[in-house]
């Protein structure tokens, strides 16, 4: 198997948080085939804040920190996202194995192995296909790919109740499950059994207070929309019993951590949903009202019934 002859591998990741989270099983898969393999992941500053919690990862570098020495000392570079500059550099440095997705002929020439992924149904399948040139045919994941960060949330988590975290906002998106649905869930779920936590960062919290102020008026709801970063967000989710959200970024990170997640999503984004995660998806991927940059009508109309069943 080709992977067993490699000592060092560099993975060029994606700047997208959800794609970053979906790619994490690659690390445990590689390690399961070669325990001595040294893995370097290249990503963003925001992703770097979580690097110490990624099980099996040996080194995390931003693109600016990635030097020629790291590349020349590696026998393989795996491109999870297109990067013309780095792929050309790896070719010029004569890195032995250069794997990436097949696209145009110029791009393909920079790789030793250009993999066709255009027939794949999910991003997770695409990432697995990129491992085929290394002789790997199946994904192997550990129970917790991310170790849960530790933090204290006095007065937020209730030990004698079921703690349900709602993450009802996501900046810069046009596909939204309305905030009023979370209010409807609280109204319909059994009383005095659940502790509801509205999570988010400061900007998301201010937006919610403007668009859905009713959420914060319920006595059983705790406002935790002052989370400073991804690390603190995941620490809160780790202490809870379940996360309910349409925010795919947070959902995939929580899933990688081993948390119970109910992810609500538009079928137009189903390519980016990990099938191993519990998800509730709108039925019509071809809905003309939901493509492009238009608001997703199907997601807006999606009720709470399936979420209720999952929470029960």
Protein backbone atom coordinates (compact mmCIF):
# COMPACT_ATOMS: atom_id res chain seq x y z
CA UNK A 1 0.00 0.00 0.00
CA UNK A 2 1.44 3.34 -1.10
CA UNK A 3 0.61 5.16 2.16
CA UNK A 4 2.89 2.86 4.14
CA UNK A 5 5.95 4.10 2.26
CA UNK A 6 5.32 7.74 3.23
CA UNK A 7 6.84 9.41 6.29
CA UNK A 8 5.50 12.95 5.90
CA UNK A 9 2.36 14.27 4.24
CA UNK A 10 1.03 17.81 3.89
CA UNK A 11 -2.73 18.38 3.53
CA UNK A 12 -3.79 21.65 1.90
CA UNK A 13 -7.18 22.28 3.47
CA UNK A 14 -10.12 24.55 2.71
CA UNK A 15 -10.75 27.99 4.20
CA UNK A 16 -14.40 26.99 4.76
CA UNK A 17 -15.13 25.88 8.33
CA UNK A 18 -17.64 23.20 7.32
CA UNK A 19 -15.26 21.78 4.69
CA UNK A 20 -12.50 21.85 7.30
CA UNK A 21 -14.71 19.88 9.71
CA UNK A 22 -15.77 17.37 7.04
CA UNK A 23 -12.12 16.78 6.12
CA UNK A 24 -10.97 15.87 9.65
CA UNK A 25 -11.67 12.10 9.31
CA UNK A 26 -8.91 12.04 6.67
CA UNK A 27 -6.41 12.39 9.51
CA UNK A 28 -7.63 9.37 11.46
CA UNK A 29 -7.93 7.39 8.21
CA UNK A 30 -4.32 8.14 7.25
CA UNK A 31 -3.07 7.34 10.76
CA UNK A 32 -4.93 4.03 10.81
CA UNK A 33 -2.92 2.91 7.77
CA UNK A 34 0.42 4.34 8.90
CA UNK A 35 0.91 5.05 12.61
CA UNK A 36 4.33 6.62 12.00
CA UNK A 37 3.01 9.12 9.46
CA UNK A 38 3.66 12.79 10.28
CA UNK A 39 0.67 14.88 9.16
CA UNK A 40 0.78 18.64 8.55
CA UNK A 41 -2.52 20.41 7.90
CA UNK A 42 -2.54 23.82 6.22
CA UNK A 43 -5.49 26.10 6.96
CA UNK A 44 -6.62 29.45 8.32
CA UNK A 45 -5.91 31.34 11.55
CA UNK A 46 -9.45 30.60 12.77
CA UNK A 47 -8.98 26.87 12.17
CA UNK A 48 -5.62 27.01 13.94
CA UNK A 49 -7.36 27.85 17.22
CA UNK A 50 -8.77 24.30 17.15
CA UNK A 51 -5.60 22.54 16.00
CA UNK A 52 -4.57 21.36 19.48
CA UNK A 53 -7.89 19.49 19.74
CA UNK A 54 -7.52 17.55 16.46
CA UNK A 55 -6.62 13.97 17.35
CA UNK A 56 -3.80 12.51 15.27
CA UNK A 57 -2.62 15.82 13.82
CA UNK A 58 1.10 16.51 14.23
CA UNK A 59 1.35 20.06 12.93
CA UNK A 60 -0.92 22.90 11.81
CA UNK A 61 0.34 25.74 9.66
CA UNK A 62 -1.32 28.69 8.00
CA UNK A 63 -0.51 29.24 4.34
CA UNK A 64 1.82 32.08 5.34
CA UNK A 65 3.72 29.78 7.71
CA UNK A 66 4.15 26.99 5.16
CA UNK A 67 7.77 27.01 3.98
CA UNK A 68 9.59 25.20 1.20
CA UNK A 69 11.39 22.98 3.73
CA UNK A 70 8.11 21.49 4.95
CA UNK A 71 7.15 20.63 1.37
CA UNK A 72 10.53 19.22 0.31
CA UNK A 73 10.68 17.04 3.43
CA UNK A 74 7.29 15.53 2.56
CA UNK A 75 6.77 12.65 0.17
CA UNK A 76 3.16 13.62 -0.52
CA UNK A 77 0.91 16.68 -0.70
CA UNK A 78 -2.87 16.25 -0.71
CA UNK A 79 -4.91 19.16 -2.09
CA UNK A 80 -8.44 19.28 -0.64
CA UNK A 81 -9.03 22.64 -2.31
CA UNK A 82 -7.72 24.24 -5.46
CA UNK A 83 -4.58 26.32 -4.93
CA UNK A 84 -2.81 27.26 -8.14
CA UNK A 85 0.16 28.89 -6.41
CA UNK A 86 0.90 26.01 -4.04
CA UNK A 87 0.33 23.28 -6.61
CA UNK A 88 2.82 24.96 -8.95
CA UNK A 89 5.32 25.29 -6.11
CA UNK A 90 4.98 21.59 -5.19
CA UNK A 91 5.56 20.65 -8.82
CA UNK A 92 8.62 22.89 -9.06
CA UNK A 93 9.98 21.48 -5.79
CA UNK A 94 9.46 17.99 -7.24
CA UNK A 95 7.37 16.67 -4.35
CA UNK A 96 7.06 12.96 -5.18
CA UNK A 97 3.27 12.54 -4.81
CA UNK A 98 0.89 15.42 -5.55
CA UNK A 99 -2.81 14.55 -5.36
CA UNK A 100 -5.71 16.82 -6.29
CA UNK A 101 -9.10 16.92 -7.96
CA UNK A 102 -9.16 16.68 -11.75
CA UNK A 103 -10.25 19.93 -13.39
CA UNK A 104 -8.60 21.57 -16.41
CA UNK A 105 -5.54 20.22 -18.21
CA UNK A 106 -3.21 22.90 -16.82
CA UNK A 107 -4.23 22.09 -13.27
CA UNK A 108 -3.99 18.35 -13.89
CA UNK A 109 -0.37 18.69 -15.03
CA UNK A 110 0.61 19.98 -11.60
CA UNK A 111 -0.50 16.73 -9.97
CA UNK A 112 1.01 13.27 -10.18
CA UNK A 113 -2.49 11.95 -9.45
CA UNK A 114 -5.52 13.94 -10.69
CA UNK A 115 -8.68 12.33 -9.33
CA UNK A 116 -12.11 12.63 -11.00
CA UNK A 117 -14.69 13.69 -8.41
CA UNK A 118 -17.43 15.18 -10.59
CA UNK A 119 -19.73 12.17 -10.10
CA UNK A 120 -19.57 12.22 -6.30
CA UNK A 121 -22.74 12.99 -4.31
CA UNK A 122 -21.09 14.51 -1.23
CA UNK A 123 -17.92 16.32 -0.29
CA UNK A 124 -17.13 13.50 2.12
CA UNK A 125 -17.06 11.07 -0.83
CA UNK A 126 -14.81 13.45 -2.77
CA UNK A 127 -12.30 13.52 0.06
CA UNK A 128 -12.28 9.72 0.27
CA UNK A 129 -11.71 9.50 -3.51
CA UNK A 130 -8.61 11.68 -3.13
CA UNK A 131 -7.13 8.98 -0.88
CA UNK A 132 -7.43 6.27 -3.55
CA UNK A 133 -3.98 7.01 -5.08
CA UNK A 134 -2.52 6.18 -1.64
CA UNK A 135 -4.22 2.77 -1.69
CA UNK A 136 -6.94 3.75 0.80
CA UNK A 137 -10.47 2.67 -0.11
CA UNK A 138 -12.51 3.30 3.04
CA UNK A 139 -12.83 5.96 5.70
CA UNK A 140 -11.82 4.99 9.21
CA UNK A 141 -12.87 7.39 11.95
CA UNK A 142 -12.32 7.43 15.67
CA UNK A 143 -15.23 8.17 17.99
CA UNK A 144 -14.09 11.74 18.63
CA UNK A 145 -12.02 13.32 15.88
CA UNK A 146 -11.98 16.54 17.88
CA UNK A 147 -11.32 16.54 21.61
CA UNK A 148 -13.84 18.79 23.34
CA UNK A 149 -12.38 22.06 24.65
CA UNK A 150 -12.96 22.71 28.36
CA UNK A 151 -14.60 25.81 29.77
CA UNK A 152 -16.93 26.79 32.62
CA UNK A 153 -20.46 28.07 32.06
CA UNK A 154 -21.87 28.97 35.47
CA UNK A 155 -25.62 29.41 35.46
CA UNK A 156 -25.96 28.24 31.85
CA UNK A 157 -25.78 24.43 32.06
CA UNK A 158 -28.34 22.74 34.35
CA UNK A 159 -27.32 19.28 35.55
CA UNK A 160 -30.85 18.20 36.47
CA UNK A 161 -32.35 19.10 33.06
CA UNK A 162 -31.80 18.16 29.42
CA UNK A 163 -29.61 20.92 27.99
CA UNK A 164 -30.57 21.80 24.42
CA UNK A 165 -28.36 24.26 22.55
CA UNK A 166 -29.95 26.23 19.73
CA UNK A 167 -27.57 27.96 17.34
CA UNK A 168 -30.18 29.90 15.36
CA UNK A 169 -28.05 32.25 13.31
CA UNK A 170 -25.35 32.28 10.69
CA UNK A 171 -23.85 35.44 9.25
CA UNK A 172 -23.75 36.02 5.50
CA UNK A 173 -26.20 33.33 4.42
CA UNK A 174 -29.45 33.43 2.46
CA UNK A 175 -30.61 29.93 3.43
CA UNK A 176 -32.23 30.35 6.82
CA UNK A 177 -34.44 28.25 9.10
CA UNK A 178 -36.48 31.04 10.74
CA UNK A 179 -35.75 31.91 14.37
CA UNK A 180 -39.45 31.62 15.17
CA UNK A 181 -39.17 27.84 14.69
CA UNK A 182 -36.98 27.59 17.80
CA UNK A 183 -39.63 29.50 19.73
CA UNK A 184 -42.23 27.02 18.44
CA UNK A 185 -40.05 24.11 19.58
CA UNK A 186 -39.78 25.55 23.08
CA UNK A 187 -43.55 26.02 23.18
CA UNK A 188 -44.30 22.43 22.08
CA UNK A 189 -41.65 20.46 24.00
CA UNK A 190 -42.42 19.19 27.53
CA UNK A 191 -42.29 21.90 30.20
CA UNK A 192 -39.83 21.81 33.12
CA UNK A 193 -37.71 19.07 31.52
CA UNK A 194 -35.43 21.08 29.26
CA UNK A 195 -32.94 23.90 29.62
CA UNK A 196 -32.67 25.90 26.38
CA UNK A 197 -29.48 27.75 25.49
CA UNK A 198 -29.31 30.26 22.64
CA UNK A 199 -25.69 30.23 21.45
CA UNK A 200 -23.77 32.51 19.14
CA UNK A 201 -21.13 35.21 19.03
CA UNK A 202 -21.74 38.87 19.85
CA UNK A 203 -22.68 39.92 16.31
CA UNK A 204 -25.04 36.97 15.91
CA UNK A 205 -26.60 37.74 19.29
CA UNK A 206 -27.31 41.35 18.34
CA UNK A 207 -28.88 40.23 15.07
CA UNK A 208 -31.10 37.74 16.91
CA UNK A 209 -32.22 40.35 19.44
CA UNK A 210 -33.40 42.47 16.52
CA UNK A 211 -35.03 39.72 14.44
CA UNK A 212 -36.30 37.32 17.12
CA UNK A 213 -36.52 39.11 20.50
CA UNK A 214 -39.22 36.67 21.66
CA UNK A 215 -36.59 33.94 22.02
CA UNK A 216 -34.96 35.71 24.94
CA UNK A 217 -38.21 36.37 26.85
CA UNK A 218 -38.87 32.72 27.72
CA UNK A 219 -37.87 31.97 31.36
CA UNK A 220 -36.35 28.59 30.45
CA UNK A 221 -34.02 30.15 27.85
CA UNK A 222 -30.43 31.11 28.69
CA UNK A 223 -28.73 33.72 26.52
CA UNK A 224 -25.21 32.63 25.60
CA UNK A 225 -24.68 34.85 22.56
CA UNK A 226 -21.41 36.22 23.91
CA UNK A 227 -19.18 33.31 22.87
CA UNK A 228 -15.74 34.63 21.95
CA UNK A 229 -14.56 32.03 19.45
CA UNK A 230 -15.02 28.52 18.06
CA UNK A 231 -13.18 27.03 21.02
CA UNK A 232 -15.66 28.43 23.54
CA UNK A 233 -18.61 27.54 21.30
CA UNK A 234 -17.56 23.88 21.12
CA UNK A 235 -16.90 23.79 24.86
CA UNK A 236 -20.51 24.84 25.49
CA UNK A 237 -21.89 22.30 23.01
CA UNK A 238 -19.78 19.55 24.59
CA UNK A 239 -21.43 20.18 27.96
CA UNK A 240 -24.94 20.06 26.48
CA UNK A 241 -27.06 17.07 25.49
CA UNK A 242 -27.94 18.06 21.92
CA UNK A 243 -27.34 20.84 19.38
CA UNK A 244 -30.10 22.03 17.03
CA UNK A 245 -28.98 24.34 14.23
CA UNK A 246 -29.05 25.15 10.53
CA UNK A 247 -25.49 26.49 10.82
CA UNK A 248 -23.57 23.80 8.90
CA UNK A 249 -20.20 25.07 10.12
CA UNK A 250 -21.03 24.63 13.80
CA UNK A 251 -22.96 21.40 13.17
CA UNK A 252 -20.04 19.64 11.48
CA UNK A 253 -17.54 20.73 14.12
CA UNK A 254 -19.87 19.49 16.87
CA UNK A 255 -20.34 16.19 15.03
CA UNK A 256 -16.56 15.76 14.73
CA UNK A 257 -16.40 16.26 18.50
CA UNK A 258 -18.87 13.42 19.04
CA UNK A 259 -21.78 15.63 20.12
CA UNK A 260 -25.38 14.77 19.28
CA UNK A 261 -26.43 17.10 16.46
CA UNK A 262 -29.65 17.80 14.60
CA UNK A 263 -28.69 19.76 11.50
CA UNK A 264 -31.47 21.46 9.53
CA UNK A 265 -30.49 22.17 5.95
CA UNK A 266 -31.66 23.07 2.48
CA UNK A 267 -31.35 20.21 -0.02
CA UNK A 268 -29.43 22.66 -2.20
CA UNK A 269 -26.60 22.26 0.34
CA UNK A 270 -26.87 18.49 0.72
CA UNK A 271 -23.50 18.04 -1.02
CA UNK A 272 -21.92 19.58 2.07
CA UNK A 273 -23.76 17.45 4.64
CA UNK A 274 -21.97 14.53 6.29
CA UNK A 275 -24.35 11.57 5.92
CA UNK A 276 -23.24 10.19 9.28
CA UNK A 277 -24.68 13.25 11.01
CA UNK A 278 -28.41 13.39 11.80
CA UNK A 279 -29.83 15.92 9.39
CA UNK A 280 -33.27 17.15 8.38
CA UNK A 281 -33.20 18.33 4.78
CA UNK A 282 -35.81 20.01 2.59
CA UNK A 283 -37.18 17.57 -0.01
CA UNK A 284 -36.73 19.37 -3.33
CA UNK A 285 -33.15 19.99 -4.49
CA UNK A 286 -34.37 21.35 -7.82
CA UNK A 287 -36.64 24.05 -6.36
CA UNK A 288 -36.06 27.09 -8.56
CA UNK A 289 -36.83 29.46 -5.67
CA UNK A 290 -33.96 28.08 -3.60
CA UNK A 291 -31.03 28.22 -6.02
CA UNK A 292 -28.48 30.96 -6.46
CA UNK A 293 -28.57 33.80 -3.95
CA UNK A 294 -32.33 33.86 -3.44
CA UNK A 295 -33.78 33.14 0.02
CA UNK A 296 -34.64 29.46 0.44
CA UNK A 297 -38.44 29.24 0.52
CA UNK A 298 -38.42 25.49 1.25
CA UNK A 299 -36.25 25.95 4.34
CA UNK A 300 -38.36 28.90 5.49
CA UNK A 301 -41.51 26.75 5.30
CA UNK A 302 -39.98 23.69 6.98
CA UNK A 303 -41.84 22.99 10.21
CA UNK A 304 -40.73 21.61 13.56
CA UNK A 305 -42.29 18.13 13.40
CA UNK A 306 -39.15 16.14 12.47
CA UNK A 307 -37.02 18.07 14.95
CA UNK A 308 -39.59 17.33 17.65
CA UNK A 309 -39.36 13.61 16.93
CA UNK A 310 -35.57 13.68 17.15
CA UNK A 311 -35.57 15.61 20.41
CA UNK A 312 -38.05 13.20 22.00
